Amino acid sequence: MKDTLVSTREVFREIEDSSIESLRDWATANKNVFTTPTADEGAFVTQIYSGPHFQQNIELQKILKGGKNADPFIIAKAAISETTIVTMKALRPNATKIPNICNHFGVPWLTLEGFMEEEGWEF
């Protein structure tokens, strides 16, 4: 791989709630991948949510149940560290998901398939 895998603490918190034991085990064994958001990343999260359209990214159920929402922190991490996001989410018109927010702020992203192609993976 060209770069190192990086993520944010907020993703680790979502993984902790996962029912996939192997994922939880991997995350715990690789906790150094999940960094604490910096002040610059926090400021970028604020910038994301300054517009009403992207406030829809915070799902009501997550708010009501005290859930976690790593998406803006993932985007902020990539924006500040000038890295590319790899996501399973698809770009959809007028959506408030990772690809749409990335496009709005000029943050590079790839689908998982696009990442595998870029890295030259073959099966």
N, C-alpha and C. Protein backbone atom coordinates (compact mmCIF):
# COMPACT_ATOMS: atom_id res chain seq x y z
N MET A 1 0.84 -1.19 0.00
CA MET A 1 0.00 0.00 0.00
C MET A 1 0.88 1.25 0.00
N LYS A 2 0.36 2.26 -0.63
CA LYS A 2 1.12 3.50 -0.74
C LYS A 2 1.22 4.22 0.60
N ASP A 3 0.16 4.20 1.38
CA ASP A 3 0.12 4.91 2.65
C ASP A 3 -0.29 3.96 3.77
N THR A 4 -0.18 4.44 4.96
CA THR A 4 -0.56 3.69 6.14
C THR A 4 -2.05 3.86 6.42
N LEU A 5 -2.64 2.84 6.97
CA LEU A 5 -4.04 2.90 7.38
C LEU A 5 -4.16 3.80 8.60
N VAL A 6 -5.04 4.78 8.51
CA VAL A 6 -5.31 5.67 9.64
C VAL A 6 -6.82 5.80 9.79
N SER A 7 -7.22 6.06 11.01
CA SER A 7 -8.64 6.28 11.28
C SER A 7 -8.74 7.20 12.49
N THR A 8 -9.91 7.25 13.06
CA THR A 8 -10.14 8.14 14.19
C THR A 8 -10.82 7.40 15.32
N ARG A 9 -10.63 7.90 16.51
CA ARG A 9 -11.19 7.30 17.72
C ARG A 9 -12.69 7.07 17.61
N GLU A 10 -13.38 7.93 16.89
CA GLU A 10 -14.83 7.80 16.76
C GLU A 10 -15.21 6.52 16.02
N VAL A 11 -14.39 6.09 15.08
CA VAL A 11 -14.63 4.82 14.39
C VAL A 11 -14.44 3.68 15.37
N PHE A 12 -13.39 3.75 16.18
CA PHE A 12 -13.16 2.71 17.18
C PHE A 12 -14.37 2.58 18.10
N ARG A 13 -14.93 3.69 18.50
CA ARG A 13 -16.12 3.67 19.38
C ARG A 13 -17.31 2.99 18.69
N GLU A 14 -17.47 3.21 17.39
CA GLU A 14 -18.54 2.52 16.66
C GLU A 14 -18.25 1.02 16.59
N ILE A 15 -16.99 0.66 16.37
CA ILE A 15 -16.62 -0.75 16.28
C ILE A 15 -16.87 -1.46 17.61
N GLU A 16 -16.64 -0.76 18.71
CA GLU A 16 -16.89 -1.36 20.03
C GLU A 16 -18.33 -1.85 20.16
N ASP A 17 -19.26 -1.19 19.47
CA ASP A 17 -20.67 -1.57 19.52
C ASP A 17 -21.03 -2.64 18.49
N SER A 18 -20.08 -3.04 17.68
CA SER A 18 -20.33 -3.99 16.61
C SER A 18 -20.62 -5.39 17.16
N SER A 19 -21.45 -6.12 16.45
CA SER A 19 -21.72 -7.51 16.82
C SER A 19 -20.69 -8.46 16.19
N ILE A 20 -19.78 -7.91 15.41
CA ILE A 20 -18.77 -8.73 14.74
C ILE A 20 -17.53 -8.83 15.63
N GLU A 21 -17.41 -9.94 16.29
CA GLU A 21 -16.34 -10.12 17.27
C GLU A 21 -14.95 -9.99 16.64
N SER A 22 -14.76 -10.55 15.45
CA SER A 22 -13.45 -10.49 14.81
C SER A 22 -13.05 -9.04 14.50
N LEU A 23 -14.03 -8.21 14.15
CA LEU A 23 -13.76 -6.79 13.89
C LEU A 23 -13.35 -6.09 15.19
N ARG A 24 -14.08 -6.36 16.26
CA ARG A 24 -13.73 -5.77 17.56
C ARG A 24 -12.34 -6.21 17.99
N ASP A 25 -12.03 -7.50 17.79
CA ASP A 25 -10.70 -8.00 18.17
C ASP A 25 -9.61 -7.32 17.36
N TRP A 26 -9.84 -7.17 16.03
CA TRP A 26 -8.84 -6.53 15.18
C TRP A 26 -8.63 -5.08 15.62
N ALA A 27 -9.73 -4.37 15.88
CA ALA A 27 -9.62 -2.96 16.27
C ALA A 27 -8.86 -2.82 17.59
N THR A 28 -9.15 -3.68 18.53
CA THR A 28 -8.46 -3.63 19.81
C THR A 28 -6.97 -3.91 19.65
N ALA A 29 -6.64 -4.87 18.80
CA ALA A 29 -5.24 -5.22 18.56
C ALA A 29 -4.49 -4.13 17.78
N ASN A 30 -5.24 -3.28 17.08
CA ASN A 30 -4.63 -2.23 16.24
C ASN A 30 -5.11 -0.84 16.68
N LYS A 31 -5.26 -0.66 17.96
CA LYS A 31 -5.83 0.58 18.48
C LYS A 31 -5.02 1.83 18.09
N ASN A 32 -3.73 1.64 17.79
CA ASN A 32 -2.90 2.78 17.39
C ASN A 32 -3.36 3.41 16.08
N VAL A 33 -4.15 2.71 15.29
CA VAL A 33 -4.68 3.23 14.03
C VAL A 33 -5.71 4.34 14.29
N PHE A 34 -6.37 4.27 15.44
CA PHE A 34 -7.51 5.14 15.76
C PHE A 34 -7.06 6.31 16.64
N THR A 35 -6.72 7.41 16.00
CA THR A 35 -6.16 8.55 16.73
C THR A 35 -7.25 9.46 17.30
N THR A 36 -6.88 10.18 18.33
CA THR A 36 -7.78 11.17 18.93
C THR A 36 -7.86 12.37 18.00
N PRO A 37 -9.07 12.87 17.73
CA PRO A 37 -9.19 14.03 16.84
C PRO A 37 -8.41 15.23 17.36
N THR A 38 -7.75 15.91 16.45
CA THR A 38 -7.00 17.12 16.80
C THR A 38 -7.94 18.32 16.83
N ALA A 39 -7.43 19.44 17.31
CA ALA A 39 -8.22 20.67 17.32
C ALA A 39 -8.61 21.07 15.89
N ASP A 40 -7.68 20.90 14.95
CA ASP A 40 -7.98 21.23 13.55
C ASP A 40 -9.08 20.33 13.00
N GLU A 41 -9.04 19.06 13.35
CA GLU A 41 -10.09 18.13 12.91
C GLU A 41 -11.43 18.52 13.53
N GLY A 42 -11.42 18.89 14.80
CA GLY A 42 -12.65 19.35 15.45
C GLY A 42 -13.22 20.58 14.78
N ALA A 43 -12.36 21.49 14.40
CA ALA A 43 -12.81 22.70 13.70
C ALA A 43 -13.40 22.34 12.34
N PHE A 44 -12.85 21.33 11.68
CA PHE A 44 -13.38 20.91 10.38
C PHE A 44 -14.75 20.26 10.55
N VAL A 45 -14.94 19.48 11.61
CA VAL A 45 -16.25 18.90 11.91
C VAL A 45 -17.28 20.01 12.08
N THR A 46 -16.89 21.07 12.79
CA THR A 46 -17.78 22.22 12.97
C THR A 46 -18.12 22.85 11.63
N GLN A 47 -17.14 22.93 10.75
CA GLN A 47 -17.36 23.48 9.41
C GLN A 47 -18.36 22.61 8.63
N ILE A 48 -18.24 21.30 8.74
CA ILE A 48 -19.17 20.40 8.05
C ILE A 48 -20.60 20.68 8.50
N TYR A 49 -20.78 20.80 9.80
CA TYR A 49 -22.14 20.97 10.33
C TYR A 49 -22.62 22.42 10.36
N SER A 50 -21.83 23.34 9.84
CA SER A 50 -22.28 24.73 9.81
C SER A 50 -23.38 24.95 8.78
N GLY A 51 -23.46 24.07 7.80
CA GLY A 51 -24.52 24.16 6.80
C GLY A 51 -25.68 23.25 7.16
N PRO A 52 -26.90 23.72 7.05
CA PRO A 52 -28.07 22.92 7.44
C PRO A 52 -28.19 21.59 6.68
N HIS A 53 -27.79 21.56 5.42
CA HIS A 53 -27.94 20.33 4.64
C HIS A 53 -27.17 19.18 5.27
N PHE A 54 -25.92 19.41 5.68
CA PHE A 54 -25.11 18.33 6.23
C PHE A 54 -25.47 18.00 7.67
N GLN A 55 -26.26 18.83 8.32
CA GLN A 55 -26.75 18.50 9.65
C GLN A 55 -27.66 17.27 9.60
N GLN A 56 -28.20 16.99 8.43
CA GLN A 56 -29.03 15.80 8.27
C GLN A 56 -28.21 14.52 8.39
N ASN A 57 -26.89 14.62 8.34
CA ASN A 57 -26.02 13.47 8.49
C ASN A 57 -26.14 12.86 9.89
N ILE A 58 -26.53 13.69 10.85
CA ILE A 58 -26.72 13.19 12.20
C ILE A 58 -28.11 12.57 12.27
N GLU A 59 -28.16 11.28 12.27
CA GLU A 59 -29.43 10.58 12.26
C GLU A 59 -30.15 10.78 13.59
N LEU A 60 -31.43 11.07 13.52
CA LEU A 60 -32.23 11.34 14.71
C LEU A 60 -32.13 10.21 15.73
N GLN A 61 -32.16 8.97 15.27
CA GLN A 61 -32.07 7.85 16.20
C GLN A 61 -30.76 7.87 16.98
N LYS A 62 -29.69 8.25 16.32
CA LYS A 62 -28.40 8.31 17.00
C LYS A 62 -28.42 9.39 18.09
N ILE A 63 -29.06 10.49 17.79
CA ILE A 63 -29.15 11.57 18.77
C ILE A 63 -29.98 11.11 19.97
N LEU A 64 -31.13 10.52 19.70
CA LEU A 64 -32.04 10.12 20.77
C LEU A 64 -31.46 9.00 21.63
N LYS A 65 -30.68 8.13 21.04
CA LYS A 65 -30.12 7.00 21.78
C LYS A 65 -28.67 7.23 22.21
N GLY A 66 -28.16 8.42 22.00
CA GLY A 66 -26.78 8.71 22.38
C GLY A 66 -25.78 7.96 21.53
N GLY A 67 -26.17 7.67 20.31
CA GLY A 67 -25.33 6.89 19.40
C GLY A 67 -24.12 7.65 18.92
N LYS A 68 -23.31 6.93 18.21
CA LYS A 68 -22.06 7.49 17.72
C LYS A 68 -22.18 7.78 16.23
N ASN A 69 -21.46 8.79 15.77
CA ASN A 69 -21.47 9.17 14.36
C ASN A 69 -20.05 9.54 13.95
N ALA A 70 -19.34 8.58 13.41
CA ALA A 70 -17.93 8.79 13.06
C ALA A 70 -17.74 9.52 11.74
N ASP A 71 -18.76 9.56 10.88
CA ASP A 71 -18.60 10.11 9.53
C ASP A 71 -17.90 11.47 9.49
N PRO A 72 -18.35 12.47 10.23
CA PRO A 72 -17.69 13.78 10.10
C PRO A 72 -16.24 13.74 10.59
N PHE A 73 -15.95 12.88 11.54
CA PHE A 73 -14.58 12.78 12.05
C PHE A 73 -13.67 12.09 11.04
N ILE A 74 -14.21 11.12 10.31
CA ILE A 74 -13.45 10.47 9.25
C ILE A 74 -13.10 11.49 8.17
N ILE A 75 -14.08 12.29 7.78
CA ILE A 75 -13.87 13.31 6.75
C ILE A 75 -12.86 14.35 7.22
N ALA A 76 -13.01 14.79 8.46
CA ALA A 76 -12.08 15.79 9.00
C ALA A 76 -10.66 15.24 9.06
N LYS A 77 -10.51 13.98 9.49
CA LYS A 77 -9.19 13.35 9.54
C LYS A 77 -8.54 13.36 8.17
N ALA A 78 -9.30 12.96 7.16
CA ALA A 78 -8.76 12.92 5.79
C ALA A 78 -8.43 14.32 5.28
N ALA A 79 -9.29 15.27 5.56
CA ALA A 79 -9.07 16.64 5.08
C ALA A 79 -7.80 17.24 5.69
N ILE A 80 -7.65 17.08 6.98
CA ILE A 80 -6.52 17.69 7.67
C ILE A 80 -5.22 16.95 7.37
N SER A 81 -5.27 15.63 7.28
CA SER A 81 -4.04 14.85 7.04
C SER A 81 -3.77 14.63 5.55
N GLU A 82 -4.66 15.18 4.70
CA GLU A 82 -4.53 15.07 3.25
C GLU A 82 -4.39 13.62 2.81
N THR A 83 -5.33 12.80 3.28
CA THR A 83 -5.40 11.39 2.90
C THR A 83 -6.72 11.13 2.18
N THR A 84 -6.86 9.93 1.67
CA THR A 84 -8.05 9.53 0.93
C THR A 84 -8.91 8.60 1.77
N ILE A 85 -10.20 8.84 1.77
CA ILE A 85 -11.14 7.98 2.47
C ILE A 85 -11.52 6.81 1.57
N VAL A 86 -11.61 5.63 2.18
CA VAL A 86 -12.15 4.46 1.49
C VAL A 86 -13.47 4.15 2.20
N THR A 87 -14.54 4.11 1.41
CA THR A 87 -15.87 3.94 2.00
C THR A 87 -16.71 2.94 1.21
N MET A 88 -17.64 2.32 1.89
CA MET A 88 -18.61 1.43 1.24
C MET A 88 -19.84 2.22 0.82
N LYS A 89 -19.91 3.47 1.24
CA LYS A 89 -21.08 4.29 0.93
C LYS A 89 -20.99 4.82 -0.49
N ALA A 90 -22.13 4.98 -1.12
CA ALA A 90 -22.18 5.41 -2.52
C ALA A 90 -22.56 6.88 -2.62
N LEU A 91 -22.09 7.51 -3.68
CA LEU A 91 -22.47 8.88 -3.98
C LEU A 91 -23.90 8.88 -4.51
N ARG A 92 -24.77 9.67 -3.88
CA ARG A 92 -26.16 9.78 -4.33
C ARG A 92 -26.54 11.26 -4.36
N PRO A 93 -27.34 11.65 -5.33
CA PRO A 93 -27.74 13.05 -5.43
C PRO A 93 -28.40 13.54 -4.14
N ASN A 94 -27.98 14.70 -3.68
CA ASN A 94 -28.55 15.39 -2.52
C ASN A 94 -28.45 14.62 -1.20
N ALA A 95 -27.62 13.59 -1.15
CA ALA A 95 -27.45 12.83 0.09
C ALA A 95 -26.50 13.56 1.04
N THR A 96 -26.44 13.07 2.26
CA THR A 96 -25.56 13.67 3.26
C THR A 96 -24.57 12.62 3.78
N LYS A 97 -24.17 11.72 2.92
CA LYS A 97 -23.23 10.66 3.30
C LYS A 97 -21.80 11.08 2.97
N ILE A 98 -20.86 10.24 3.38
CA ILE A 98 -19.44 10.55 3.23
C ILE A 98 -19.07 11.03 1.83
N PRO A 99 -19.43 10.31 0.75
CA PRO A 99 -19.00 10.79 -0.58
C PRO A 99 -19.50 12.20 -0.92
N ASN A 100 -20.74 12.49 -0.56
CA ASN A 100 -21.30 13.81 -0.85
C ASN A 100 -20.60 14.91 -0.08
N ILE A 101 -20.35 14.67 1.20
CA ILE A 101 -19.66 15.67 2.02
C ILE A 101 -18.23 15.84 1.53
N CYS A 102 -17.58 14.72 1.20
CA CYS A 102 -16.21 14.80 0.66
C CYS A 102 -16.17 15.65 -0.61
N ASN A 103 -17.08 15.40 -1.53
CA ASN A 103 -17.10 16.17 -2.77
C ASN A 103 -17.29 17.65 -2.49
N HIS A 104 -18.17 17.98 -1.57
CA HIS A 104 -18.44 19.38 -1.23
C HIS A 104 -17.17 20.08 -0.73
N PHE A 105 -16.38 19.38 0.08
CA PHE A 105 -15.20 19.98 0.69
C PHE A 105 -13.90 19.65 -0.04
N GLY A 106 -13.99 18.92 -1.15
CA GLY A 106 -12.79 18.59 -1.92
C GLY A 106 -11.88 17.56 -1.25
N VAL A 107 -12.48 16.68 -0.46
CA VAL A 107 -11.71 15.63 0.21
C VAL A 107 -11.74 14.38 -0.68
N PRO A 108 -10.58 13.83 -1.03
CA PRO A 108 -10.58 12.65 -1.91
C PRO A 108 -11.16 11.42 -1.22
N TRP A 109 -11.89 10.61 -2.03
CA TRP A 109 -12.47 9.38 -1.50
C TRP A 109 -12.54 8.35 -2.62
N LEU A 110 -12.60 7.10 -2.21
CA LEU A 110 -12.73 5.98 -3.13
C LEU A 110 -13.73 4.98 -2.56
N THR A 111 -14.39 4.26 -3.45
CA THR A 111 -15.14 3.10 -3.00
C THR A 111 -14.13 2.01 -2.68
N LEU A 112 -14.56 0.97 -1.99
CA LEU A 112 -13.66 -0.13 -1.70
C LEU A 112 -13.15 -0.75 -3.01
N GLU A 113 -14.05 -0.90 -3.97
CA GLU A 113 -13.65 -1.44 -5.27
C GLU A 113 -12.62 -0.53 -5.95
N GLY A 114 -12.85 0.77 -5.90
CA GLY A 114 -11.92 1.72 -6.48
C GLY A 114 -10.56 1.67 -5.81
N PHE A 115 -10.56 1.48 -4.51
CA PHE A 115 -9.30 1.36 -3.76
C PHE A 115 -8.54 0.12 -4.20
N MET A 116 -9.25 -1.01 -4.31
CA MET A 116 -8.59 -2.26 -4.71
C MET A 116 -8.02 -2.13 -6.12
N GLU A 117 -8.76 -1.47 -7.01
CA GLU A 117 -8.25 -1.25 -8.37
C GLU A 117 -7.01 -0.36 -8.35
N GLU A 118 -7.07 0.72 -7.58
CA GLU A 118 -5.94 1.65 -7.52
C GLU A 118 -4.70 0.98 -6.95
N GLU A 119 -4.88 0.07 -6.02
CA GLU A 119 -3.77 -0.64 -5.40
C GLU A 119 -3.32 -1.83 -6.23
N GLY A 120 -4.06 -2.17 -7.28
CA GLY A 120 -3.68 -3.27 -8.15
C GLY A 120 -3.99 -4.64 -7.59
N TRP A 121 -4.97 -4.71 -6.70
CA TRP A 121 -5.33 -6.01 -6.12
C TRP A 121 -6.01 -6.87 -7.19
N GLU A 122 -5.70 -8.13 -7.21
CA GLU A 122 -6.33 -9.08 -8.14
C GLU A 122 -6.78 -10.30 -7.36
N PHE A 123 -7.90 -10.86 -7.78
CA PHE A 123 -8.42 -12.06 -7.13
C PHE A 123 -8.64 -13.13 -8.17
